[in-house]
N, C-alpha and C. Protein backbone atom coordinates (compact mmCIF):
# COMPACT_ATOMS: atom_id res chain seq x y z
N MET A 1 -5.38 -17.36 37.36
CA MET A 1 -6.19 -17.06 36.17
C MET A 1 -7.54 -17.77 36.29
N ILE A 2 -8.60 -17.04 36.03
CA ILE A 2 -9.94 -17.61 36.04
C ILE A 2 -10.65 -17.29 34.73
N LYS A 3 -11.65 -18.10 34.40
CA LYS A 3 -12.47 -17.85 33.22
C LYS A 3 -13.87 -17.45 33.67
N LYS A 4 -14.35 -16.38 33.06
CA LYS A 4 -15.74 -16.00 33.36
C LYS A 4 -16.27 -15.06 32.28
N SER A 5 -17.59 -14.98 32.24
CA SER A 5 -18.27 -14.09 31.30
C SER A 5 -18.84 -12.90 32.05
N VAL A 6 -18.67 -11.73 31.43
CA VAL A 6 -19.15 -10.50 32.07
C VAL A 6 -19.95 -9.69 31.05
N LYS A 7 -21.10 -9.18 31.48
CA LYS A 7 -21.87 -8.26 30.65
C LYS A 7 -21.87 -6.90 31.32
N TYR A 8 -21.52 -5.88 30.55
CA TYR A 8 -21.41 -4.53 31.09
C TYR A 8 -22.71 -3.76 30.87
N ASP A 9 -22.90 -2.73 31.69
CA ASP A 9 -24.12 -1.93 31.62
C ASP A 9 -24.32 -1.26 30.26
N ASN A 10 -23.20 -0.99 29.55
CA ASN A 10 -23.30 -0.30 28.25
C ASN A 10 -23.64 -1.24 27.10
N GLY A 11 -23.81 -2.53 27.43
CA GLY A 11 -24.16 -3.49 26.38
C GLY A 11 -23.00 -4.32 25.89
N ASP A 12 -21.78 -3.97 26.27
CA ASP A 12 -20.60 -4.75 25.90
C ASP A 12 -20.56 -6.06 26.71
N SER A 13 -19.76 -7.02 26.22
CA SER A 13 -19.58 -8.26 26.97
C SER A 13 -18.18 -8.82 26.75
N TYR A 14 -17.71 -9.60 27.73
CA TYR A 14 -16.40 -10.25 27.62
C TYR A 14 -16.52 -11.67 28.15
N ASP A 15 -15.95 -12.60 27.40
CA ASP A 15 -15.95 -14.00 27.81
C ASP A 15 -14.53 -14.53 27.66
N GLY A 16 -13.89 -14.81 28.80
CA GLY A 16 -12.52 -15.29 28.70
C GLY A 16 -11.77 -15.28 30.02
N ASP A 17 -10.44 -15.15 29.91
CA ASP A 17 -9.55 -15.24 31.07
C ASP A 17 -9.43 -13.92 31.81
N TRP A 18 -9.24 -14.04 33.12
CA TRP A 18 -9.04 -12.87 33.99
C TRP A 18 -7.88 -13.13 34.93
N VAL A 19 -7.11 -12.10 35.23
CA VAL A 19 -6.08 -12.15 36.25
C VAL A 19 -6.14 -10.86 37.05
N ASP A 20 -6.33 -10.97 38.35
CA ASP A 20 -6.40 -9.80 39.24
C ASP A 20 -7.43 -8.78 38.76
N GLY A 21 -8.57 -9.27 38.34
CA GLY A 21 -9.65 -8.37 37.95
C GLY A 21 -9.49 -7.72 36.59
N LYS A 22 -8.52 -8.19 35.81
CA LYS A 22 -8.30 -7.61 34.48
C LYS A 22 -8.42 -8.70 33.40
N ARG A 23 -8.82 -8.28 32.21
CA ARG A 23 -8.85 -9.20 31.08
C ARG A 23 -7.41 -9.56 30.73
N HIS A 24 -7.06 -10.82 30.89
CA HIS A 24 -5.66 -11.23 30.76
C HIS A 24 -5.62 -12.70 30.36
N GLY A 25 -5.10 -12.98 29.15
CA GLY A 25 -5.05 -14.34 28.64
C GLY A 25 -5.77 -14.41 27.31
N LYS A 26 -6.68 -15.37 27.16
CA LYS A 26 -7.49 -15.50 25.94
C LYS A 26 -8.92 -15.06 26.23
N GLY A 27 -9.49 -14.32 25.28
CA GLY A 27 -10.87 -13.93 25.50
C GLY A 27 -11.50 -13.22 24.32
N LYS A 28 -12.84 -13.17 24.35
CA LYS A 28 -13.59 -12.49 23.29
C LYS A 28 -14.40 -11.35 23.89
N TYR A 29 -14.20 -10.17 23.29
CA TYR A 29 -14.93 -8.98 23.73
C TYR A 29 -15.87 -8.55 22.61
N LYS A 30 -17.13 -8.32 22.98
CA LYS A 30 -18.11 -7.83 22.01
C LYS A 30 -18.61 -6.46 22.45
N TRP A 31 -18.55 -5.52 21.51
CA TRP A 31 -19.07 -4.19 21.78
C TRP A 31 -20.54 -4.11 21.39
N ALA A 32 -21.26 -3.26 22.06
CA ALA A 32 -22.67 -3.06 21.74
C ALA A 32 -22.84 -2.56 20.31
N SER A 33 -21.80 -1.94 19.77
CA SER A 33 -21.83 -1.40 18.40
C SER A 33 -21.84 -2.50 17.34
N GLY A 34 -21.48 -3.72 17.76
CA GLY A 34 -21.38 -4.82 16.81
C GLY A 34 -19.96 -5.24 16.51
N ASN A 35 -18.98 -4.45 16.95
CA ASN A 35 -17.57 -4.81 16.80
C ASN A 35 -17.22 -5.94 17.77
N SER A 36 -16.16 -6.70 17.44
CA SER A 36 -15.71 -7.76 18.35
C SER A 36 -14.22 -8.00 18.21
N TYR A 37 -13.62 -8.52 19.29
CA TYR A 37 -12.21 -8.91 19.28
C TYR A 37 -12.09 -10.26 19.96
N ASP A 38 -11.38 -11.17 19.31
CA ASP A 38 -11.17 -12.51 19.84
C ASP A 38 -9.68 -12.82 19.78
N GLY A 39 -9.05 -12.91 20.97
CA GLY A 39 -7.62 -13.16 20.97
C GLY A 39 -6.97 -12.97 22.32
N ASP A 40 -5.71 -12.55 22.29
CA ASP A 40 -4.90 -12.40 23.50
C ASP A 40 -5.14 -11.05 24.18
N TRP A 41 -5.06 -11.10 25.51
CA TRP A 41 -5.21 -9.88 26.33
C TRP A 41 -4.09 -9.81 27.36
N VAL A 42 -3.64 -8.59 27.65
CA VAL A 42 -2.69 -8.35 28.73
C VAL A 42 -3.11 -7.07 29.44
N ASP A 43 -3.42 -7.18 30.72
CA ASP A 43 -3.79 -6.01 31.53
C ASP A 43 -4.91 -5.19 30.87
N ASP A 44 -5.98 -5.86 30.49
CA ASP A 44 -7.17 -5.20 29.93
C ASP A 44 -6.98 -4.68 28.51
N LYS A 45 -5.84 -4.96 27.88
CA LYS A 45 -5.60 -4.46 26.52
C LYS A 45 -5.44 -5.62 25.54
N MET A 46 -5.84 -5.37 24.29
CA MET A 46 -5.60 -6.34 23.23
C MET A 46 -4.09 -6.38 22.99
N HIS A 47 -3.48 -7.53 23.23
CA HIS A 47 -2.02 -7.61 23.20
C HIS A 47 -1.62 -9.05 22.89
N GLY A 48 -0.94 -9.24 21.75
CA GLY A 48 -0.54 -10.57 21.31
C GLY A 48 -1.13 -10.85 19.94
N LYS A 49 -1.79 -11.99 19.78
CA LYS A 49 -2.45 -12.34 18.53
C LYS A 49 -3.96 -12.23 18.70
N GLY A 50 -4.62 -11.69 17.67
CA GLY A 50 -6.07 -11.60 17.78
C GLY A 50 -6.74 -11.12 16.52
N LYS A 51 -8.05 -11.38 16.44
CA LYS A 51 -8.84 -10.95 15.29
C LYS A 51 -9.92 -9.97 15.74
N TYR A 52 -9.93 -8.82 15.07
CA TYR A 52 -10.91 -7.78 15.35
C TYR A 52 -11.85 -7.68 14.16
N LYS A 53 -13.15 -7.70 14.44
CA LYS A 53 -14.15 -7.55 13.38
C LYS A 53 -15.00 -6.31 13.64
N TRP A 54 -15.16 -5.52 12.59
CA TRP A 54 -16.02 -4.35 12.69
C TRP A 54 -17.42 -4.70 12.21
N ALA A 55 -18.39 -3.97 12.72
CA ALA A 55 -19.78 -4.21 12.34
C ALA A 55 -20.00 -3.95 10.85
N ASN A 56 -19.14 -3.10 10.25
CA ASN A 56 -19.31 -2.76 8.82
C ASN A 56 -18.75 -3.83 7.89
N GLY A 57 -18.17 -4.91 8.45
CA GLY A 57 -17.65 -5.99 7.63
C GLY A 57 -16.14 -6.02 7.49
N ASN A 58 -15.46 -4.97 7.94
CA ASN A 58 -13.99 -4.96 7.93
C ASN A 58 -13.45 -5.90 9.00
N SER A 59 -12.20 -6.37 8.82
CA SER A 59 -11.59 -7.22 9.84
C SER A 59 -10.07 -7.09 9.82
N TYR A 60 -9.47 -7.37 10.98
CA TYR A 60 -8.00 -7.41 11.09
C TYR A 60 -7.63 -8.65 11.88
N ASP A 61 -6.66 -9.40 11.35
CA ASP A 61 -6.20 -10.62 12.01
C ASP A 61 -4.68 -10.56 12.07
N GLY A 62 -4.15 -10.46 13.30
CA GLY A 62 -2.70 -10.37 13.41
C GLY A 62 -2.22 -9.96 14.79
N ASP A 63 -1.09 -9.24 14.80
CA ASP A 63 -0.43 -8.86 16.05
C ASP A 63 -1.01 -7.57 16.63
N TRP A 64 -1.01 -7.54 17.97
CA TRP A 64 -1.47 -6.36 18.71
C TRP A 64 -0.47 -6.03 19.81
N VAL A 65 -0.29 -4.73 20.05
CA VAL A 65 0.54 -4.26 21.17
C VAL A 65 -0.18 -3.10 21.83
N ASP A 66 -0.50 -3.25 23.11
CA ASP A 66 -1.17 -2.19 23.88
C ASP A 66 -2.42 -1.67 23.19
N GLY A 67 -3.23 -2.57 22.66
CA GLY A 67 -4.50 -2.18 22.07
C GLY A 67 -4.43 -1.66 20.65
N LYS A 68 -3.24 -1.74 20.02
CA LYS A 68 -3.08 -1.24 18.66
C LYS A 68 -2.56 -2.33 17.72
N ARG A 69 -2.92 -2.19 16.42
CA ARG A 69 -2.38 -3.10 15.42
C ARG A 69 -0.89 -2.80 15.27
N HIS A 70 -0.06 -3.75 15.62
CA HIS A 70 1.38 -3.50 15.68
C HIS A 70 2.11 -4.83 15.49
N GLY A 71 2.88 -4.93 14.39
CA GLY A 71 3.59 -6.17 14.07
C GLY A 71 3.19 -6.63 12.68
N LYS A 72 2.80 -7.89 12.56
CA LYS A 72 2.34 -8.44 11.27
C LYS A 72 0.84 -8.68 11.34
N GLY A 73 0.15 -8.37 10.24
CA GLY A 73 -1.28 -8.63 10.25
C GLY A 73 -1.94 -8.40 8.91
N LYS A 74 -3.14 -8.97 8.76
CA LYS A 74 -3.91 -8.80 7.53
C LYS A 74 -5.22 -8.09 7.82
N TYR A 75 -5.44 -7.02 7.07
CA TYR A 75 -6.67 -6.23 7.20
C TYR A 75 -7.50 -6.44 5.94
N LYS A 76 -8.77 -6.78 6.12
CA LYS A 76 -9.68 -6.95 4.98
C LYS A 76 -10.82 -5.94 5.08
N TRP A 77 -11.08 -5.28 3.97
CA TRP A 77 -12.21 -4.35 3.91
C TRP A 77 -13.42 -5.07 3.34
N ALA A 78 -14.59 -4.60 3.73
CA ALA A 78 -15.83 -5.20 3.25
C ALA A 78 -15.98 -5.06 1.73
N ASN A 79 -15.30 -4.05 1.16
CA ASN A 79 -15.41 -3.81 -0.29
C ASN A 79 -14.52 -4.74 -1.12
N GLY A 80 -13.76 -5.62 -0.44
CA GLY A 80 -12.91 -6.56 -1.15
C GLY A 80 -11.44 -6.22 -1.16
N ASN A 81 -11.07 -5.02 -0.73
CA ASN A 81 -9.66 -4.65 -0.63
C ASN A 81 -9.01 -5.37 0.54
N SER A 82 -7.68 -5.54 0.49
CA SER A 82 -6.97 -6.16 1.61
C SER A 82 -5.53 -5.66 1.70
N TYR A 83 -4.98 -5.72 2.92
CA TYR A 83 -3.57 -5.39 3.15
C TYR A 83 -2.98 -6.46 4.04
N ASP A 84 -1.82 -6.99 3.65
CA ASP A 84 -1.14 -8.02 4.42
C ASP A 84 0.30 -7.60 4.60
N GLY A 85 0.68 -7.29 5.85
CA GLY A 85 2.05 -6.84 6.06
C GLY A 85 2.29 -6.26 7.44
N ASP A 86 3.22 -5.31 7.48
CA ASP A 86 3.67 -4.71 8.74
C ASP A 86 2.75 -3.58 9.20
N TRP A 87 2.66 -3.46 10.54
CA TRP A 87 1.87 -2.40 11.16
C TRP A 87 2.68 -1.77 12.30
N VAL A 88 2.50 -0.47 12.47
CA VAL A 88 3.09 0.25 13.60
C VAL A 88 2.04 1.23 14.12
N ASN A 89 1.64 1.06 15.37
CA ASN A 89 0.67 1.96 16.01
C ASN A 89 -0.59 2.18 15.17
N ASP A 90 -1.19 1.08 14.73
CA ASP A 90 -2.45 1.12 13.97
C ASP A 90 -2.29 1.55 12.51
N ASN A 91 -1.07 1.83 12.05
CA ASN A 91 -0.85 2.29 10.67
C ASN A 91 -0.05 1.27 9.86
N ARG A 92 -0.32 1.25 8.55
CA ARG A 92 0.48 0.42 7.65
C ARG A 92 1.86 1.07 7.53
N THR A 93 2.85 0.49 8.18
CA THR A 93 4.22 1.01 8.15
C THR A 93 5.20 -0.17 8.11
N GLY A 94 6.08 -0.17 7.11
CA GLY A 94 7.03 -1.27 6.92
C GLY A 94 6.87 -1.85 5.54
N LYS A 95 6.85 -3.17 5.45
CA LYS A 95 6.65 -3.87 4.17
C LYS A 95 5.25 -4.47 4.14
N GLY A 96 4.61 -4.38 2.97
CA GLY A 96 3.30 -5.00 2.89
C GLY A 96 2.72 -4.96 1.49
N GLU A 97 1.72 -5.83 1.27
CA GLU A 97 1.04 -5.88 -0.02
C GLU A 97 -0.43 -5.49 0.14
N TYR A 98 -0.83 -4.53 -0.68
CA TYR A 98 -2.22 -4.08 -0.69
C TYR A 98 -2.85 -4.54 -2.00
N LYS A 99 -4.00 -5.19 -1.89
CA LYS A 99 -4.72 -5.64 -3.08
C LYS A 99 -6.09 -4.97 -3.14
N TRP A 100 -6.38 -4.41 -4.31
CA TRP A 100 -7.69 -3.80 -4.52
C TRP A 100 -8.65 -4.83 -5.13
N ALA A 101 -9.92 -4.65 -4.86
CA ALA A 101 -10.93 -5.56 -5.39
C ALA A 101 -10.98 -5.52 -6.92
N ASN A 102 -10.52 -4.39 -7.50
CA ASN A 102 -10.56 -4.25 -8.97
C ASN A 102 -9.40 -4.95 -9.67
N GLY A 103 -8.51 -5.59 -8.88
CA GLY A 103 -7.40 -6.33 -9.48
C GLY A 103 -6.06 -5.64 -9.40
N ASN A 104 -6.04 -4.36 -9.03
CA ASN A 104 -4.77 -3.65 -8.83
C ASN A 104 -4.08 -4.15 -7.57
N SER A 105 -2.74 -3.99 -7.50
CA SER A 105 -2.01 -4.37 -6.30
C SER A 105 -0.75 -3.54 -6.13
N TYR A 106 -0.32 -3.39 -4.88
CA TYR A 106 0.95 -2.73 -4.57
C TYR A 106 1.68 -3.57 -3.53
N ASP A 107 2.96 -3.83 -3.79
CA ASP A 107 3.79 -4.61 -2.87
C ASP A 107 5.08 -3.83 -2.63
N GLY A 108 5.28 -3.37 -1.38
CA GLY A 108 6.48 -2.60 -1.10
C GLY A 108 6.44 -1.90 0.24
N ASP A 109 7.11 -0.76 0.29
CA ASP A 109 7.27 -0.01 1.54
C ASP A 109 6.08 0.89 1.82
N TRP A 110 5.81 1.03 3.14
CA TRP A 110 4.72 1.89 3.61
C TRP A 110 5.20 2.74 4.78
N VAL A 111 4.67 3.95 4.89
CA VAL A 111 4.89 4.80 6.06
C VAL A 111 3.58 5.52 6.36
N ASP A 112 3.04 5.29 7.55
CA ASP A 112 1.80 5.95 7.98
C ASP A 112 0.67 5.81 6.96
N ASP A 113 0.42 4.58 6.55
CA ASP A 113 -0.69 4.25 5.64
C ASP A 113 -0.49 4.71 4.19
N LYS A 114 0.70 5.18 3.85
CA LYS A 114 0.96 5.65 2.48
C LYS A 114 2.09 4.85 1.84
N ARG A 115 1.99 4.69 0.50
CA ARG A 115 3.08 4.05 -0.24
C ARG A 115 4.27 5.00 -0.21
N HIS A 116 5.36 4.57 0.42
CA HIS A 116 6.49 5.47 0.65
C HIS A 116 7.76 4.63 0.75
N GLY A 117 8.69 4.83 -0.20
CA GLY A 117 9.92 4.06 -0.24
C GLY A 117 10.04 3.37 -1.59
N LYS A 118 10.31 2.07 -1.57
CA LYS A 118 10.41 1.28 -2.81
C LYS A 118 9.19 0.37 -2.91
N GLY A 119 8.66 0.24 -4.13
CA GLY A 119 7.54 -0.66 -4.28
C GLY A 119 7.10 -0.85 -5.71
N LYS A 120 6.32 -1.92 -5.93
CA LYS A 120 5.81 -2.22 -7.27
C LYS A 120 4.28 -2.19 -7.26
N TYR A 121 3.75 -1.42 -8.20
CA TYR A 121 2.30 -1.30 -8.35
C TYR A 121 1.92 -1.96 -9.67
N LYS A 122 0.93 -2.84 -9.61
CA LYS A 122 0.44 -3.51 -10.82
C LYS A 122 -1.03 -3.15 -11.03
N TRP A 123 -1.34 -2.76 -12.25
CA TRP A 123 -2.73 -2.49 -12.60
C TRP A 123 -3.35 -3.73 -13.21
N ALA A 124 -4.65 -3.86 -13.06
CA ALA A 124 -5.37 -5.01 -13.61
C ALA A 124 -5.29 -5.06 -15.14
N ASN A 125 -5.04 -3.89 -15.76
CA ASN A 125 -4.97 -3.84 -17.23
C ASN A 125 -3.62 -4.28 -17.78
N GLY A 126 -2.68 -4.65 -16.88
CA GLY A 126 -1.38 -5.14 -17.32
C GLY A 126 -0.25 -4.14 -17.20
N ASN A 127 -0.56 -2.87 -16.91
CA ASN A 127 0.48 -1.87 -16.68
C ASN A 127 1.14 -2.11 -15.32
N SER A 128 2.38 -1.62 -15.16
CA SER A 128 3.06 -1.75 -13.87
C SER A 128 4.07 -0.62 -13.66
N TYR A 129 4.34 -0.33 -12.39
CA TYR A 129 5.38 0.64 -12.03
C TYR A 129 6.20 0.04 -10.90
N ASP A 130 7.53 0.10 -11.05
CA ASP A 130 8.45 -0.44 -10.05
C ASP A 130 9.49 0.63 -9.75
N GLY A 131 9.46 1.17 -8.52
CA GLY A 131 10.43 2.22 -8.20
C GLY A 131 10.11 2.94 -6.91
N ASP A 132 10.48 4.22 -6.89
CA ASP A 132 10.36 5.04 -5.68
C ASP A 132 8.97 5.64 -5.52
N TRP A 133 8.57 5.77 -4.25
CA TRP A 133 7.29 6.37 -3.90
C TRP A 133 7.48 7.37 -2.77
N VAL A 134 6.72 8.46 -2.80
CA VAL A 134 6.69 9.43 -1.71
C VAL A 134 5.23 9.86 -1.51
N ASP A 135 4.72 9.64 -0.31
CA ASP A 135 3.34 10.05 0.02
C ASP A 135 2.32 9.56 -1.01
N ASP A 136 2.39 8.28 -1.33
CA ASP A 136 1.41 7.64 -2.24
C ASP A 136 1.61 7.98 -3.71
N LYS A 137 2.68 8.71 -4.05
CA LYS A 137 2.88 9.10 -5.45
C LYS A 137 4.21 8.55 -5.98
N ARG A 138 4.24 8.31 -7.31
CA ARG A 138 5.48 7.90 -7.95
C ARG A 138 6.41 9.12 -7.95
N HIS A 139 7.51 9.00 -7.23
CA HIS A 139 8.38 10.16 -7.03
C HIS A 139 9.80 9.67 -6.77
N GLY A 140 10.73 10.04 -7.66
CA GLY A 140 12.12 9.59 -7.56
C GLY A 140 12.51 8.88 -8.84
N LYS A 141 13.05 7.68 -8.72
CA LYS A 141 13.43 6.87 -9.88
C LYS A 141 12.46 5.69 -10.00
N GLY A 142 12.08 5.38 -11.24
CA GLY A 142 11.21 4.23 -11.41
C GLY A 142 10.97 3.86 -12.85
N LYS A 143 10.50 2.62 -13.04
CA LYS A 143 10.21 2.12 -14.39
C LYS A 143 8.73 1.79 -14.51
N TYR A 144 8.12 2.36 -15.54
CA TYR A 144 6.71 2.11 -15.83
C TYR A 144 6.62 1.31 -17.12
N LYS A 145 5.86 0.21 -17.06
CA LYS A 145 5.66 -0.62 -18.25
C LYS A 145 4.17 -0.64 -18.61
N TRP A 146 3.91 -0.43 -19.88
CA TRP A 146 2.53 -0.52 -20.37
C TRP A 146 2.28 -1.92 -20.91
N ALA A 147 1.05 -2.34 -20.86
CA ALA A 147 0.67 -3.66 -21.37
C ALA A 147 0.93 -3.78 -22.87
N ASN A 148 0.96 -2.64 -23.57
CA ASN A 148 1.17 -2.67 -25.03
C ASN A 148 2.64 -2.81 -25.42
N GLY A 149 3.54 -2.88 -24.41
CA GLY A 149 4.96 -3.06 -24.69
C GLY A 149 5.81 -1.82 -24.55
N ASN A 150 5.18 -0.64 -24.43
CA ASN A 150 5.93 0.59 -24.19
C ASN A 150 6.49 0.60 -22.77
N SER A 151 7.56 1.39 -22.54
CA SER A 151 8.11 1.51 -21.20
C SER A 151 8.80 2.85 -21.00
N TYR A 152 8.85 3.30 -19.75
CA TYR A 152 9.59 4.51 -19.38
C TYR A 152 10.42 4.19 -18.15
N ASP A 153 11.70 4.56 -18.21
CA ASP A 153 12.62 4.31 -17.11
C ASP A 153 13.34 5.62 -16.81
N GLY A 154 13.08 6.20 -15.62
CA GLY A 154 13.72 7.47 -15.31
C GLY A 154 13.13 8.17 -14.11
N ASP A 155 13.16 9.50 -14.17
CA ASP A 155 12.75 10.33 -13.04
C ASP A 155 11.24 10.56 -13.01
N TRP A 156 10.74 10.69 -11.78
CA TRP A 156 9.32 10.97 -11.56
C TRP A 156 9.16 12.07 -10.51
N VAL A 157 8.17 12.91 -10.70
CA VAL A 157 7.82 13.93 -9.70
C VAL A 157 6.30 13.97 -9.59
N ASN A 158 5.80 13.67 -8.41
CA ASN A 158 4.35 13.72 -8.15
C ASN A 158 3.53 12.98 -9.20
N ASP A 159 3.91 11.74 -9.46
CA ASP A 159 3.18 10.86 -10.39
C ASP A 159 3.41 11.17 -11.87
N ASN A 160 4.25 12.16 -12.18
CA ASN A 160 4.50 12.53 -13.58
C ASN A 160 5.94 12.26 -14.00
N ARG A 161 6.12 11.96 -15.29
CA ARG A 161 7.48 11.81 -15.82
C ARG A 161 8.08 13.21 -15.91
N THR A 162 8.97 13.51 -14.99
CA THR A 162 9.63 14.82 -14.94
C THR A 162 11.09 14.63 -14.54
N GLY A 163 12.01 15.15 -15.37
CA GLY A 163 13.44 14.99 -15.13
C GLY A 163 14.08 14.33 -16.34
N LYS A 164 14.97 13.38 -16.09
CA LYS A 164 15.62 12.63 -17.18
C LYS A 164 15.01 11.24 -17.26
N GLY A 165 14.82 10.78 -18.50
CA GLY A 165 14.29 9.43 -18.63
C GLY A 165 14.31 8.90 -20.05
N GLU A 166 14.18 7.58 -20.15
CA GLU A 166 14.17 6.90 -21.45
C GLU A 166 12.82 6.25 -21.69
N PHE A 167 12.23 6.59 -22.83
CA PHE A 167 10.95 6.00 -23.23
C PHE A 167 11.20 5.09 -24.42
N LYS A 168 10.76 3.84 -24.30
CA LYS A 168 10.89 2.88 -25.40
C LYS A 168 9.50 2.47 -25.88
N TRP A 169 9.30 2.61 -27.18
CA TRP A 169 8.04 2.15 -27.76
C TRP A 169 8.17 0.69 -28.17
N ALA A 170 7.06 0.01 -28.19
CA ALA A 170 7.05 -1.41 -28.55
C ALA A 170 7.55 -1.65 -29.97
N ASP A 171 7.42 -0.62 -30.82
CA ASP A 171 7.86 -0.78 -32.22
C ASP A 171 9.35 -0.55 -32.41
N GLY A 172 10.07 -0.21 -31.29
CA GLY A 172 11.52 -0.04 -31.38
C GLY A 172 12.01 1.38 -31.30
N ASP A 173 11.12 2.37 -31.39
CA ASP A 173 11.52 3.77 -31.24
C ASP A 173 11.98 4.04 -29.81
N ILE A 174 12.94 4.98 -29.66
CA ILE A 174 13.48 5.31 -28.34
C ILE A 174 13.66 6.82 -28.21
N TYR A 175 13.30 7.35 -27.04
CA TYR A 175 13.61 8.74 -26.71
C TYR A 175 14.30 8.76 -25.36
N TYR A 176 15.44 9.49 -25.32
CA TYR A 176 16.10 9.71 -24.03
C TYR A 176 16.38 11.19 -23.88
N GLY A 177 15.98 11.74 -22.73
CA GLY A 177 16.25 13.15 -22.50
C GLY A 177 15.37 13.72 -21.41
N ASP A 178 15.05 15.01 -21.57
CA ASP A 178 14.30 15.74 -20.55
C ASP A 178 12.79 15.54 -20.68
N TRP A 179 12.15 15.54 -19.51
CA TRP A 179 10.69 15.41 -19.43
C TRP A 179 10.13 16.44 -18.46
N VAL A 180 8.94 16.94 -18.75
CA VAL A 180 8.21 17.80 -17.82
C VAL A 180 6.73 17.41 -17.88
N ASN A 181 6.21 17.00 -16.75
CA ASN A 181 4.79 16.62 -16.64
C ASN A 181 4.33 15.65 -17.72
N GLY A 182 5.14 14.63 -17.95
CA GLY A 182 4.75 13.57 -18.86
C GLY A 182 5.01 13.84 -20.33
N LYS A 183 5.61 14.99 -20.63
CA LYS A 183 5.89 15.33 -22.03
C LYS A 183 7.39 15.52 -22.25
N ARG A 184 7.85 15.23 -23.47
CA ARG A 184 9.25 15.48 -23.82
C ARG A 184 9.42 16.99 -23.90
N HIS A 185 10.28 17.51 -23.06
CA HIS A 185 10.42 18.96 -22.95
C HIS A 185 11.83 19.29 -22.47
N GLY A 186 12.62 19.97 -23.32
CA GLY A 186 14.01 20.28 -23.00
C GLY A 186 14.91 19.69 -24.07
N GLN A 187 16.03 19.11 -23.66
CA GLN A 187 16.94 18.46 -24.61
C GLN A 187 16.69 16.96 -24.63
N GLY A 188 16.70 16.41 -25.84
CA GLY A 188 16.50 14.97 -25.93
C GLY A 188 16.85 14.40 -27.28
N GLU A 189 17.11 13.09 -27.28
CA GLU A 189 17.46 12.39 -28.52
C GLU A 189 16.40 11.34 -28.84
N TYR A 190 15.97 11.36 -30.09
CA TYR A 190 14.97 10.40 -30.55
C TYR A 190 15.56 9.52 -31.65
N LYS A 191 15.40 8.21 -31.49
CA LYS A 191 15.86 7.26 -32.51
C LYS A 191 14.68 6.38 -32.90
N SER A 192 14.38 6.35 -34.17
CA SER A 192 13.28 5.50 -34.63
C SER A 192 13.81 4.14 -35.04
N ALA A 193 12.95 3.16 -35.08
CA ALA A 193 13.35 1.80 -35.44
C ALA A 193 13.88 1.72 -36.86
N ASN A 194 13.46 2.66 -37.72
CA ASN A 194 13.92 2.63 -39.11
C ASN A 194 15.19 3.44 -39.35
N GLY A 195 15.81 3.93 -38.25
CA GLY A 195 17.10 4.60 -38.37
C GLY A 195 17.06 6.11 -38.29
N GLU A 196 15.89 6.71 -38.26
CA GLU A 196 15.77 8.17 -38.15
C GLU A 196 16.27 8.62 -36.78
N LYS A 197 17.00 9.76 -36.78
CA LYS A 197 17.51 10.30 -35.51
C LYS A 197 17.25 11.79 -35.42
N TYR A 198 16.96 12.24 -34.20
CA TYR A 198 16.86 13.67 -33.93
C TYR A 198 17.40 13.93 -32.55
N ASN A 199 18.35 14.87 -32.48
CA ASN A 199 18.94 15.24 -31.19
C ASN A 199 18.86 16.75 -31.07
N GLY A 200 18.04 17.22 -30.14
CA GLY A 200 17.88 18.66 -30.02
C GLY A 200 16.83 19.05 -29.00
N LYS A 201 16.19 20.18 -29.28
CA LYS A 201 15.25 20.74 -28.32
C LYS A 201 13.82 20.25 -28.57
N TRP A 202 13.12 20.05 -27.46
CA TRP A 202 11.72 19.63 -27.51
C TRP A 202 10.88 20.59 -26.67
N VAL A 203 9.68 20.87 -27.10
CA VAL A 203 8.73 21.68 -26.33
C VAL A 203 7.37 20.98 -26.36
N LEU A 204 6.93 20.54 -25.19
CA LEU A 204 5.62 19.88 -25.06
C LEU A 204 5.40 18.79 -26.10
N ASP A 205 6.38 17.89 -26.17
CA ASP A 205 6.33 16.71 -27.05
C ASP A 205 6.61 17.00 -28.53
N GLU A 206 6.88 18.26 -28.86
CA GLU A 206 7.14 18.62 -30.26
C GLU A 206 8.61 18.97 -30.47
N ARG A 207 9.18 18.56 -31.61
CA ARG A 207 10.55 18.94 -31.96
C ARG A 207 10.59 20.40 -32.35
N MET A 208 11.67 21.06 -31.96
CA MET A 208 11.84 22.48 -32.32
C MET A 208 12.89 22.62 -33.41
């Protein structure tokens, strides 16, 4: 293993370890574009632990396999967003937490850069959802809590309350039954905190 600095005709440069004419060991590579990588190398590829910085201000610090983000790592965007968790072939896949600059966050399962599986999303305004996700949408079973004390626990389809579910108001009222696109629609039972009850048909949030 030898250490040396090399400048390429295209404007790129590398300063670090070499083995048999290949970047191998520890080293820093700078692209003419302004991007850079500082970390482990194996056979000319980013492999092991390392930090990659983009000219636009984004960065990734973590595991690499064959030149790709793979394993555990933290990605930071210049806009203030961040992701800390598992990676597979350059994609967020596995378990991880994504934080938005606006205060929102998601902690849970990912597949190919999308929220997919089980996870909890928290909004900066105090609302939260804990449950199933499919392709970045609330889909399956889950519980949504509003900051005002209301809650919904039940089925979801494409981000909407659709199927069976229970809605509880902060004042003590409860509805359990059918939902379609966020509205009480079908058969359902409503109980108010003062003892009023209705069990029957609903159409677009209205009793029939």
